[in-house]
C-alpha atoms as a PDB file:
ATOM      1  CA  MET A   1     -39.639   6.771 -19.508  1.00  0.00           C
ATOM      2  CA  VAL A   2     -40.707   3.181 -19.887  1.00  0.00           C
ATOM      3  CA  PHE A   3     -40.442   0.808 -16.939  1.00  0.00           C
ATOM      4  CA  GLY A   4     -41.662  -2.695 -16.353  1.00  0.00           C
ATOM      5  CA  LEU A   5     -43.593  -4.009 -13.390  1.00  0.00           C
ATOM      6  CA  ALA A   6     -40.726  -3.128 -11.028  1.00  0.00           C
ATOM      7  CA  GLY A   7     -40.713   0.571 -12.031  1.00  0.00           C
ATOM      8  CA  PRO A   8     -41.234   3.487  -9.596  1.00  0.00           C
ATOM      9  CA  TRP A   9     -44.429   3.833  -7.594  1.00  0.00           C
ATOM     10  CA  THR A  10     -46.926   6.618  -8.287  1.00  0.00           C
ATOM     11  CA  ASP A  11     -50.149   7.523  -6.474  1.00  0.00           C
ATOM     12  CA  GLN A  12     -51.962   5.640  -9.244  1.00  0.00           C
ATOM     13  CA  THR A  13     -49.929   2.419  -9.027  1.00  0.00           C
ATOM     14  CA  ASP A  14     -51.802  -0.782  -8.243  1.00  0.00           C
ATOM     15  CA  GLY A  15     -50.149  -2.653  -5.337  1.00  0.00           C
ATOM     16  CA  SER A  16     -50.486  -6.055  -6.943  1.00  0.00           C
ATOM     17  CA  VAL A  17     -48.913  -9.213  -5.558  1.00  0.00           C
ATOM     18  CA  ALA A  18     -46.602  -9.424  -8.578  1.00  0.00           C
ATOM     19  CA  LYS A  19     -45.364  -5.852  -8.152  1.00  0.00           C
ATOM     20  CA  LEU A  20     -44.950  -6.143  -4.381  1.00  0.00           C
ATOM     21  CA  ASN A  21     -42.863  -9.300  -4.786  1.00  0.00           C
ATOM     22  CA  LEU A  22     -40.553  -7.492  -7.222  1.00  0.00           C
ATOM     23  CA  MET A  23     -40.242  -4.394  -5.034  1.00  0.00           C
ATOM     24  CA  MET A  24     -39.735  -6.011  -1.615  1.00  0.00           C
ATOM     25  CA  VAL A  25     -36.979  -8.083   0.006  1.00  0.00           C
ATOM     26  CA  ILE A  26     -38.261 -11.622   0.551  1.00  0.00           C
ATOM     27  CA  SER A  27     -36.865 -13.518   3.576  1.00  0.00           C
ATOM     28  CA  GLY A  28     -36.950 -17.253   4.182  1.00  0.00           C
ATOM     29  CA  PRO A  29     -35.066 -20.558   4.305  1.00  0.00           C
ATOM     30  CA  GLY A  30     -32.594 -21.101   1.516  1.00  0.00           C
ATOM     31  CA  ALA A  31     -34.344 -24.175   0.143  1.00  0.00           C
ATOM     32  CA  ASP A  32     -37.614 -22.236  -0.196  1.00  0.00           C
ATOM     33  CA  LEU A  33     -35.951 -19.165  -1.727  1.00  0.00           C
ATOM     34  CA  ALA A  34     -34.103 -21.286  -4.290  1.00  0.00           C
ATOM     35  CA  ALA A  35     -37.420 -22.760  -5.434  1.00  0.00           C
ATOM     36  CA  LEU A  36     -39.080 -19.388  -6.101  1.00  0.00           C
ATOM     37  CA  PRO A  37     -39.482 -18.234  -9.726  1.00  0.00           C
ATOM     38  CA  LYS A  38     -36.517 -15.924 -10.275  1.00  0.00           C
ATOM     39  CA  SER A  39     -38.414 -13.778 -12.775  1.00  0.00           C
ATOM     40  CA  GLN A  40     -40.823 -12.712 -10.014  1.00  0.00           C
ATOM     41  CA  HIS A  41     -38.321 -11.470  -7.407  1.00  0.00           C
ATOM     42  CA  VAL A  42     -35.302  -9.161  -7.169  1.00  0.00           C
ATOM     43  CA  LEU A  43     -33.775  -9.430  -3.653  1.00  0.00           C
ATOM     44  CA  MET A  44     -33.937 -12.277  -1.130  1.00  0.00           C
ATOM     45  CA  LYS A  45     -32.533 -12.713   2.383  1.00  0.00           C
ATOM     46  CA  CYS A  46     -31.689 -16.247   3.485  1.00  0.00           C
ATOM     47  CA  THR A  47     -32.639 -17.134   7.072  1.00  0.00           C
ATOM     48  CA  LEU A  48     -31.488 -20.784   7.020  1.00  0.00           C
ATOM     49  CA  ASP A  49     -28.849 -22.609   4.997  1.00  0.00           C
ATOM     50  CA  GLY A  50     -30.311 -24.646   2.166  1.00  0.00           C
ATOM     51  CA  GLY A  51     -30.795 -24.857  -1.567  1.00  0.00           C
ATOM     52  CA  GLY A  52     -27.197 -23.718  -2.069  1.00  0.00           C
ATOM     53  CA  LEU A  53     -27.884 -20.482  -0.172  1.00  0.00           C
ATOM     54  CA  VAL A  54     -26.223 -19.337   3.070  1.00  0.00           C
ATOM     55  CA  LYS A  55     -27.931 -17.980   6.189  1.00  0.00           C
ATOM     56  CA  ASP A  56     -27.799 -14.163   6.597  1.00  0.00           C
ATOM     57  CA  HIS A  57     -26.699 -13.639   2.977  1.00  0.00           C
ATOM     58  CA  VAL A  58     -28.648 -11.463   0.563  1.00  0.00           C
ATOM     59  CA  TYR A  59     -29.148 -12.609  -3.024  1.00  0.00           C
ATOM     60  CA  GLN A  60     -30.063 -10.758  -6.195  1.00  0.00           C
ATOM     61  CA  THR A  61     -31.741 -12.500  -9.109  1.00  0.00           C
ATOM     62  CA  SER A  62     -29.903 -12.273 -12.425  1.00  0.00           C
ATOM     63  CA  THR A  63     -31.446 -10.211 -15.224  1.00  0.00           C
ATOM     64  CA  ASP A  64     -32.032 -13.335 -17.293  1.00  0.00           C
ATOM     65  CA  ALA A  65     -33.824 -14.948 -14.298  1.00  0.00           C
ATOM     66  CA  THR A  66     -31.581 -18.017 -14.308  1.00  0.00           C
ATOM     67  CA  SER A  67     -29.489 -17.612 -11.145  1.00  0.00           C
ATOM     68  CA  LEU A  68     -29.096 -15.957  -7.748  1.00  0.00           C
ATOM     69  CA  ILE A  69     -26.084 -13.656  -7.154  1.00  0.00           C
ATOM     70  CA  ASP A  70     -24.721 -13.420  -3.614  1.00  0.00           C
ATOM     71  CA  VAL A  71     -24.335  -9.680  -2.930  1.00  0.00           C
ATOM     72  CA  THR A  72     -23.342 -10.071   0.728  1.00  0.00           C
ATOM     73  CA  GLY A  73     -19.852 -11.271  -0.036  1.00  0.00           C
ATOM     74  CA  ILE A  74     -18.195 -11.370  -3.430  1.00  0.00           C
ATOM     75  CA  ALA A  75     -17.589 -14.932  -4.507  1.00  0.00           C
ATOM     76  CA  SER A  76     -14.283 -16.014  -5.990  1.00  0.00           C
ATOM     77  CA  HIS A  77     -14.114 -14.895  -9.614  1.00  0.00           C
ATOM     78  CA  THR A  78     -11.576 -14.664 -12.417  1.00  0.00           C
ATOM     79  CA  HIS A  79     -12.125 -11.208 -13.975  1.00  0.00           C
ATOM     80  CA  SER A  80     -12.048 -12.912 -17.364  1.00  0.00           C
ATOM     81  CA  SER A  81     -15.398 -11.516 -18.541  1.00  0.00           C
ATOM     82  CA  ASN A  82     -18.164  -9.094 -17.572  1.00  0.00           C
ATOM     83  CA  ALA A  83     -19.930 -12.005 -15.864  1.00  0.00           C
ATOM     84  CA  THR A  84     -16.942 -12.708 -13.582  1.00  0.00           C
ATOM     85  CA  GLY A  85     -16.323  -9.262 -12.103  1.00  0.00           C
ATOM     86  CA  GLY A  86     -15.315  -7.429 -15.282  1.00  0.00           C
ATOM     87  CA  THR A  87     -12.237  -8.129 -17.374  1.00  0.00           C
ATOM     88  CA  LEU A  88      -8.851  -7.582 -15.753  1.00  0.00           C
ATOM     89  CA  VAL A  89      -7.701  -5.293 -18.554  1.00  0.00           C
ATOM     90  CA  ASP A  90     -10.665  -3.001 -17.853  1.00  0.00           C
ATOM     91  CA  ILE A  91      -9.746  -2.846 -14.161  1.00  0.00           C
ATOM     92  CA  PHE A  92      -6.201  -1.820 -15.108  1.00  0.00           C
ATOM     93  CA  ARG A  93      -7.533   0.640 -17.704  1.00  0.00           C
ATOM     94  CA  GLY A  94      -9.819   2.242 -15.125  1.00  0.00           C
ATOM     95  CA  ASN A  95      -6.858   2.666 -12.759  1.00  0.00           C
ATOM     96  CA  SER A  96      -4.210   3.648 -15.294  1.00  0.00           C
ATOM     97  CA  LYS A  97      -2.451   6.007 -12.871  1.00  0.00           C
ATOM     98  CA  LEU A  98      -1.928   3.263 -10.291  1.00  0.00           C
ATOM     99  CA  ASN A  99       1.684   2.107 -10.488  1.00  0.00           C
ATOM    100  CA  ASP A 100       3.215  -0.939  -8.770  1.00  0.00           C
ATOM    101  CA  LEU A 101       6.979  -0.440  -8.783  1.00  0.00           C
ATOM    102  CA  SER A 102       8.751  -3.525  -7.464  1.00  0.00           C
ATOM    103  CA  LEU A 103      12.509  -2.989  -7.155  1.00  0.00           C
ATOM    104  CA  THR A 104      13.441  -6.610  -6.528  1.00  0.00           C
ATOM    105  CA  ARG A 105      14.890  -7.820  -9.832  1.00  0.00           C
ATOM    106  CA  THR A 106      18.602  -8.483 -10.188  1.00  0.00           C
ATOM    107  CA  THR A 107      18.926  -5.357 -12.321  1.00  0.00           C
ATOM    108  CA  ASP A 108      17.245  -3.272  -9.600  1.00  0.00           C
ATOM    109  CA  LEU A 109      19.761  -4.542  -7.039  1.00  0.00           C
ATOM    110  CA  LYS A 110      22.588  -2.840  -8.907  1.00  0.00           C
ATOM    111  CA  LYS A 111      23.748   0.490  -7.530  1.00  0.00           C
ATOM    112  CA  ALA A 112      24.200   1.799 -11.068  1.00  0.00           C
ATOM    113  CA  SER A 113      20.403   1.679 -11.483  1.00  0.00           C
ATOM    114  CA  TRP A 114      20.055   4.302  -8.733  1.00  0.00           C
ATOM    115  CA  ILE A 115      21.253   7.880  -8.235  1.00  0.00           C
ATOM    116  CA  GLU A 116      24.328   7.586  -6.017  1.00  0.00           C
ATOM    117  CA  THR A 117      25.566  10.286  -3.638  1.00  0.00           C
ATOM    118  CA  ALA A 118      28.803   9.676  -1.730  1.00  0.00           C
ATOM    119  CA  PHE A 119      29.805  11.957   1.138  1.00  0.00           C
ATOM    120  CA  THR A 120      33.261  12.094   2.780  1.00  0.00           C
ATOM    121  CA  GLY A 121      34.358   8.580   1.879  1.00  0.00           C
ATOM    122  CA  GLY A 122      31.073   6.661   1.723  1.00  0.00           C
ATOM    123  CA  THR A 123      30.776   3.935  -0.917  1.00  0.00           C
ATOM    124  CA  ALA A 124      28.389   1.231  -2.138  1.00  0.00           C
ATOM    125  CA  GLU A 125      28.840  -2.160  -3.744  1.00  0.00           C
ATOM    126  CA  ASP A 126      26.756  -4.839  -5.400  1.00  0.00           C
ATOM    127  CA  THR A 127      27.173  -7.951  -3.316  1.00  0.00           C
ATOM    128  CA  ILE A 128      26.068 -11.493  -2.601  1.00  0.00           C
ATOM    129  CA  ASP A 129      25.176 -11.402   1.060  1.00  0.00           C
ATOM    130  CA  GLY A 130      26.462 -13.994   3.498  1.00  0.00           C
ATOM    131  CA  THR A 131      26.082 -17.707   2.902  1.00  0.00           C
ATOM    132  CA  THR A 132      22.591 -17.457   1.387  1.00  0.00           C
ATOM    133  CA  GLY A 133      23.650 -16.063  -1.970  1.00  0.00           C
ATOM    134  CA  GLU A 134      21.040 -13.316  -1.663  1.00  0.00           C
ATOM    135  CA  ARG A 135      21.749 -10.244  -3.756  1.00  0.00           C
ATOM    136  CA  SER A 136      21.875  -6.832  -2.115  1.00  0.00           C
ATOM    137  CA  ILE A 137      23.246  -3.345  -2.532  1.00  0.00           C
ATOM    138  CA  ARG A 138      25.646  -2.696   0.351  1.00  0.00           C
ATOM    139  CA  LEU A 139      25.797   0.944   1.468  1.00  0.00           C
ATOM    140  CA  ARG A 140      28.778   1.709   3.690  1.00  0.00           C
ATOM    141  CA  THR A 141      30.488   4.632   5.378  1.00  0.00           C
ATOM    142  CA  ASN A 142      33.919   2.978   5.617  1.00  0.00           C
ATOM    143  CA  ALA A 143      36.186   4.211   8.419  1.00  0.00           C
ATOM    144  CA  THR A 144      36.017   7.953   7.783  1.00  0.00           C
ATOM    145  CA  LEU A 145      34.254  10.083  10.395  1.00  0.00           C
ATOM    146  CA  ALA A 146      30.943  11.624   9.239  1.00  0.00           C
ATOM    147  CA  ALA A 147      30.961   9.632   6.003  1.00  0.00           C
ATOM    148  CA  ALA A 148      27.685   8.812   4.265  1.00  0.00           C
ATOM    149  CA  TYR A 149      26.167   7.186   1.229  1.00  0.00           C
ATOM    150  CA  THR A 150      22.738   7.585  -0.374  1.00  0.00           C
ATOM    151  CA  LEU A 151      20.766   5.801  -3.085  1.00  0.00           C
ATOM    152  CA  GLN A 152      17.742   7.485  -4.676  1.00  0.00           C
ATOM    153  CA  TYR A 153      15.472   5.886  -7.257  1.00  0.00           C
ATOM    154  CA  PRO A 154      14.222   8.187 -10.032  1.00  0.00           C
ATOM    155  CA  HIS A 155      10.742   7.416 -11.286  1.00  0.00           C
ATOM    156  CA  LEU A 156       7.293   8.850 -12.059  1.00  0.00           C
ATOM    157  CA  LYS A 157       6.136  11.205  -9.304  1.00  0.00           C
ATOM    158  CA  LEU A 158       3.961   9.962  -6.442  1.00  0.00           C
ATOM    159  CA  ASP A 159       0.678  11.777  -5.715  1.00  0.00           C
ATOM    160  CA  PHE A 160       0.529  12.365  -1.948  1.00  0.00           C
ATOM    161  CA  SER A 161      -3.218  13.084  -2.096  1.00  0.00           C
ATOM    162  CA  LYS A 162      -3.875   9.405  -2.902  1.00  0.00           C
ATOM    163  CA  ARG A 163      -3.272   6.261  -0.858  1.00  0.00           C
ATOM    164  CA  SER A 164       0.050   4.495  -1.340  1.00  0.00           C
ATOM    165  CA  PHE A 165       2.410   2.143   0.433  1.00  0.00           C
ATOM    166  CA  PHE A 166       6.143   1.515   0.586  1.00  0.00           C
ATOM    167  CA  GLN A 167       7.897  -1.655   1.679  1.00  0.00           C
ATOM    168  CA  CYS A 168      11.467  -2.873   1.789  1.00  0.00           C
ATOM    169  CA  LYS A 169      13.763  -5.584   3.108  1.00  0.00           C
ATOM    170  CA  VAL A 170      16.953  -4.316   4.758  1.00  0.00           C
ATOM    171  CA  ARG A 171      19.699  -5.206   7.221  1.00  0.00           C
ATOM    172  CA  ILE A 172      22.000  -3.156   9.462  1.00  0.00           C
ATOM    173  CA  GLU A 173      25.378  -4.784  10.125  1.00  0.00           C
ATOM    174  CA  THR A 174      26.386  -2.794  13.255  1.00  0.00           C
ATOM    175  CA  LEU A 175      23.747  -1.015  15.318  1.00  0.00           C
ATOM    176  CA  SER A 176      25.698   1.842  16.895  1.00  0.00           C
ATOM    177  CA  SER A 177      26.992   5.310  16.007  1.00  0.00           C
ATOM    178  CA  LEU A 178      24.891   5.675  12.877  1.00  0.00           C
ATOM    179  CA  ALA A 179      21.903   7.351  11.334  1.00  0.00           C
ATOM    180  CA  LEU A 180      19.904   5.933   8.435  1.00  0.00           C
ATOM    181  CA  ARG A 181      16.605   6.480   6.700  1.00  0.00           C
ATOM    182  CA  THR A 182      14.520   4.859   4.005  1.00  0.00           C
ATOM    183  CA  GLY A 183      11.167   5.630   2.449  1.00  0.00           C
ATOM    184  CA  VAL A 184       9.381   7.903   0.000  1.00  0.00           C
ATOM    185  CA  ASN A 185      10.774  11.290  -1.092  1.00  0.00           C
ATOM    186  CA  GLY A 186      12.996  11.565   1.980  1.00  0.00           C
ATOM    187  CA  ASP A 187      15.906  13.894   2.732  1.00  0.00           C
ATOM    188  CA  LEU A 188      19.484  12.707   2.518  1.00  0.00           C
ATOM    189  CA  VAL A 189      20.632  11.670   5.973  1.00  0.00           C
ATOM    190  CA  THR A 190      23.369  14.328   5.699  1.00  0.00           C
ATOM    191  CA  ALA A 191      20.838  17.107   5.032  1.00  0.00           C
ATOM    192  CA  VAL A 192      18.786  19.249   7.388  1.00  0.00           C
ATOM    193  CA  ASP A 193      15.327  17.729   7.886  1.00  0.00           C
ATOM    194  CA  SER A 194      12.922  19.573   5.599  1.00  0.00           C
ATOM    195  CA  ASN A 195       9.155  20.111   5.385  1.00  0.00           C
ATOM    196  CA  THR A 196       9.073  18.521   1.929  1.00  0.00           C
ATOM    197  CA  ALA A 197       6.192  16.029   1.683  1.00  0.00           C
ATOM    198  CA  LYS A 198       7.435  12.560   2.633  1.00  0.00           C
ATOM    199  CA  TYR A 199       6.966   9.446   4.718  1.00  0.00           C
ATOM    200  CA  ASN A 200      10.055   7.577   5.915  1.00  0.00           C
ATOM    201  CA  ILE A 201      11.381   5.265   8.547  1.00  0.00           C
ATOM    202  CA  GLU A 202      14.753   5.815  10.188  1.00  0.00           C
ATOM    203  CA  VAL A 203      17.174   4.953  12.965  1.00  0.00           C
ATOM    204  CA  CYS A 204      19.368   7.461  14.795  1.00  0.00           C
ATOM    205  CA  THR A 205      21.403   5.838  17.540  1.00  0.00           C
ATOM    206  CA  ALA A 206      22.116   9.261  19.077  1.00  0.00           C
ATOM    207  CA  THR A 207      18.433   9.183  20.100  1.00  0.00           C
ATOM    208  CA  ASN A 208      17.997   5.450  20.753  1.00  0.00           C
ATOM    209  CA  ASN A 209      18.110   2.202  18.790  1.00  0.00           C
ATOM    210  CA  ASN A 210      14.418   2.191  17.877  1.00  0.00           C
ATOM    211  CA  TRP A 211      12.852   2.587  14.463  1.00  0.00           C
ATOM    212  CA  GLN A 212      11.342   6.072  14.079  1.00  0.00           C
ATOM    213  CA  VAL A 213       8.669   7.180  11.583  1.00  0.00           C
ATOM    214  CA  ARG A 214       9.210  10.590  10.003  1.00  0.00           C
ATOM    215  CA  THR A 215       6.538  12.440   8.041  1.00  0.00           C
ATOM    216  CA  ALA A 216       6.284  15.908   6.557  1.00  0.00           C
ATOM    217  CA  SER A 217       3.185  17.609   5.189  1.00  0.00           C
ATOM    218  CA  GLY A 218       4.838  20.288   3.072  1.00  0.00           C
ATOM    219  CA  THR A 219       4.479  22.889   5.826  1.00  0.00           C
ATOM    220  CA  ASN A 220       5.622  20.999   8.922  1.00  0.00           C
ATOM    221  CA  LYS A 221       7.442  17.827   9.944  1.00  0.00           C
ATOM    222  CA  SER A 222       7.707  15.468  12.902  1.00  0.00           C
ATOM    223  CA  MET A 223       9.120  12.128  13.998  1.00  0.00           C
ATOM    224  CA  SER A 224       7.529   9.448  16.190  1.00  0.00           C
ATOM    225  CA  ASP A 225       9.175   6.567  18.040  1.00  0.00           C
ATOM    226  CA  THR A 226       7.631   3.201  17.103  1.00  0.00           C
ATOM    227  CA  GLY A 227       8.972   1.604  20.270  1.00  0.00           C
ATOM    228  CA  THR A 228      10.347  -1.241  18.119  1.00  0.00           C
ATOM    229  CA  LEU A 229      14.047  -1.923  18.529  1.00  0.00           C
ATOM    230  CA  ALA A 230      16.095  -2.120  15.357  1.00  0.00           C
ATOM    231  CA  THR A 231      18.259  -5.241  15.070  1.00  0.00           C
ATOM    232  CA  THR A 232      21.068  -6.569  12.901  1.00  0.00           C
ATOM    233  CA  ASN A 233      18.760  -9.179  11.369  1.00  0.00           C
ATOM    234  CA  ARG A 234      17.106  -8.997   7.972  1.00  0.00           C
ATOM    235  CA  THR A 235      13.986  -6.903   8.502  1.00  0.00           C
ATOM    236  CA  GLY A 236      10.851  -6.354   6.439  1.00  0.00           C
ATOM    237  CA  ILE A 237       9.253  -2.918   6.732  1.00  0.00           C
ATOM    238  CA  LYS A 238       5.975  -1.547   5.355  1.00  0.00           C
ATOM    239  CA  LEU A 239       4.635   2.014   5.522  1.00  0.00           C
ATOM    240  CA  GLU A 240       0.980   2.511   4.496  1.00  0.00           C
ATOM    241  CA  HIS A 241      -0.046   6.083   3.659  1.00  0.00           C
ATOM    242  CA  TYR A 242      -3.731   7.070   4.175  1.00  0.00           C
ATOM    243  CA  PRO A 243      -4.151  10.767   3.280  1.00  0.00           C
ATOM    244  CA  ASP A 244      -7.952  10.480   2.995  1.00  0.00           C
ATOM    245  CA  LEU A 245      -8.674   9.427   6.589  1.00  0.00           C
ATOM    246  CA  ALA A 246      -9.610  11.867   9.353  1.00  0.00           C
ATOM    247  CA  PRO A 247      -6.982  12.419  10.574  1.00  0.00           C
ATOM    248  CA  PRO A 248      -4.580  11.252   7.838  1.00  0.00           C
ATOM    249  CA  VAL A 249      -2.223   8.514   9.066  1.00  0.00           C
ATOM    250  CA  VAL A 250       0.810   6.447   8.185  1.00  0.00           C
ATOM    251  CA  ASP A 251       0.594   2.862   9.479  1.00  0.00           C
ATOM    252  CA  THR A 252       3.932   1.147  10.026  1.00  0.00           C
ATOM    253  CA  TYR A 253       4.697  -2.573  10.201  1.00  0.00           C
ATOM    254  CA  ILE A 254       8.155  -3.806  11.219  1.00  0.00           C
ATOM    255  CA  GLY A 255       8.837  -7.498  10.800  1.00  0.00           C
ATOM    256  CA  THR A 256       5.932  -9.460  12.255  1.00  0.00           C
ATOM    257  CA  GLY A 257       5.093  -6.742  14.768  1.00  0.00           C
ATOM    258  CA  THR A 258       1.755  -5.005  15.198  1.00  0.00           C
ATOM    259  CA  VAL A 259       0.853  -1.760  13.510  1.00  0.00           C
ATOM    260  CA  PHE A 260       2.249   1.581  14.723  1.00  0.00           C
ATOM    261  CA  GLN A 261       0.138   4.542  13.630  1.00  0.00           C
ATOM    262  CA  LYS A 262       1.407   8.100  13.134  1.00  0.00           C
ATOM    263  CA  SER A 263      -1.089  10.898  12.514  1.00  0.00           C
ATOM    264  CA  GLY A 264       0.948  14.098  12.810  1.00  0.00           C
ATOM    265  CA  ASP A 265       2.180  16.004   9.721  1.00  0.00           C
ATOM    266  CA  VAL A 266       1.086  13.317   7.254  1.00  0.00           C
ATOM    267  CA  PRO A 267       1.212  14.630   3.655  1.00  0.00           C
ATOM    268  CA  ILE A 268      -2.134  15.021   1.878  1.00  0.00           C
ATOM    269  CA  THR A 269      -1.058  17.144  -1.103  1.00  0.00           C
ATOM    270  CA  GLY A 270       1.944  17.505  -3.371  1.00  0.00           C
ATOM    271  CA  ALA A 271       4.109  15.048  -5.245  1.00  0.00           C
ATOM    272  CA  SER A 272       7.485  13.390  -4.901  1.00  0.00           C
ATOM    273  CA  ALA A 273      10.488  14.652  -6.833  1.00  0.00           C
ATOM    274  CA  ASP A 274      11.082  12.791 -10.071  1.00  0.00           C
ATOM    275  CA  ASN A 275      14.603  11.888  -8.898  1.00  0.00           C
ATOM    276  CA  ASN A 276      13.647  10.764  -5.388  1.00  0.00           C
ATOM    277  CA  LEU A 277      10.716   8.368  -5.300  1.00  0.00           C
ATOM    278  CA  VAL A 278      12.627   5.992  -2.982  1.00  0.00           C
ATOM    279  CA  ILE A 279      15.616   6.812  -0.794  1.00  0.00           C
ATOM    280  CA  HIS A 280      18.076   4.751   1.283  1.00  0.00           C
ATOM    281  CA  SER A 281      20.709   6.752   3.170  1.00  0.00           C
ATOM    282  CA  ILE A 282      23.253   6.020   5.930  1.00  0.00           C
ATOM    283  CA  LYS A 283      25.998   7.919   7.768  1.00  0.00           C
ATOM    284  CA  ASN A 284      28.261   7.248  10.736  1.00  0.00           C
ATOM    285  CA  SER A 285      29.176   9.303  13.813  1.00  0.00           C
ATOM    286  CA  VAL A 286      32.506   7.572  14.547  1.00  0.00           C
ATOM    287  CA  ALA A 287      35.492   6.786  12.348  1.00  0.00           C
ATOM    288  CA  ALA A 288      34.249   3.240  11.733  1.00  0.00           C
ATOM    289  CA  ASP A 289      32.482   1.381   8.963  1.00  0.00           C
ATOM    290  CA  ARG A 290      28.687   1.299   9.216  1.00  0.00           C
ATOM    291  CA  VAL A 291      26.953  -0.930   6.665  1.00  0.00           C
ATOM    292  CA  TYR A 292      23.368  -1.110   5.428  1.00  0.00           C
ATOM    293  CA  HIS A 293      22.044  -3.797   3.035  1.00  0.00           C
ATOM    294  CA  LEU A 294      19.129  -3.237   0.649  1.00  0.00           C
ATOM    295  CA  TYR A 295      17.549  -6.490  -0.607  1.00  0.00           C
ATOM    296  CA  GLY A 296      14.584  -4.933  -2.387  1.00  0.00           C
ATOM    297  CA  ALA A 297      11.916  -2.249  -2.236  1.00  0.00           C
ATOM    298  CA  ARG A 298       8.403  -1.690  -3.540  1.00  0.00           C
ATOM    299  CA  VAL A 299       6.093   1.310  -3.922  1.00  0.00           C
ATOM    300  CA  VAL A 300       2.440   1.086  -4.946  1.00  0.00           C
ATOM    301  CA  TYR A 301       1.045   4.531  -5.699  1.00  0.00           C
ATOM    302  CA  TYR A 302      -0.933   6.844  -7.973  1.00  0.00           C
ATOM    303  CA  VAL A 303       1.180   8.798 -10.407  1.00  0.00           C
ATOM    304  CA  SER A 304       1.232  12.616 -10.313  1.00  0.00           C
ATOM    305  CA  ASP A 305       2.932  13.197 -13.636  1.00  0.00           C
ATOM    306  CA  THR A 306       2.405  13.258 -17.410  1.00  0.00           C
ATOM    307  CA  TRP A 307       0.742   9.874 -17.269  1.00  0.00           C
ATOM    308  CA  VAL A 308      -2.871   9.315 -18.324  1.00  0.00           C
END
């Protein structure tokens, strides 16, 4: 092995001024640090703003001894070269299994792009909502008792052992005598709740009118009340899945509200079905129309599939 002056110490190494300067962290006012020969130092801590340096920041000298690099906080950079944080294509290449699926285009807001399941008179329609001209898919039960309708989006499988998040924008037209759910790999609202790995949000007015978070680990399942009342307004929802924390959690954001955290039965293994990455499902409990609008959805996740 061949090292320069800043190589490892041995019991024979001379503790010269030059070597000590290279091996130690120098502290001082920014103006003084900026004036030091950069070839003779490696790390510096600034104790007073000055010389373009900021108090309490640590700086590393560049290999070519021409500049100081702030290693306390990453400065704004463009990822256009190795000198600006590494090229963006290399970041994508190094995370090739990370998938950002944004279901917000006009073609995504067509029911024909989804797997449709009608039950006892439920229907769906592509619509322009209200006076705003906003596109949505309108799921409805119509006036048949126990009717339901479900949309499922088929896509590359989600790896539940990795972090992911789901978000959507939705609206309920009438908040009574209904059950609905939306999220990742969920059960149809007409089906018995299963232990299949999932994280969802739902409303069941037989319980109350609050949003509930449902998770299942593959071996058990549970539901937690967020304490946030569902409304008939347009609502943004985000579910953040953290399987690597201790304990694993799903953090939920509803509208502009604060985070609600659920830690029970959060999935940490397994994968979504390839025909059920995202689900939206509604049913009624009276012979009356219950309507649910989907304005868009998004899932950011690591793929568990034939995808390298």
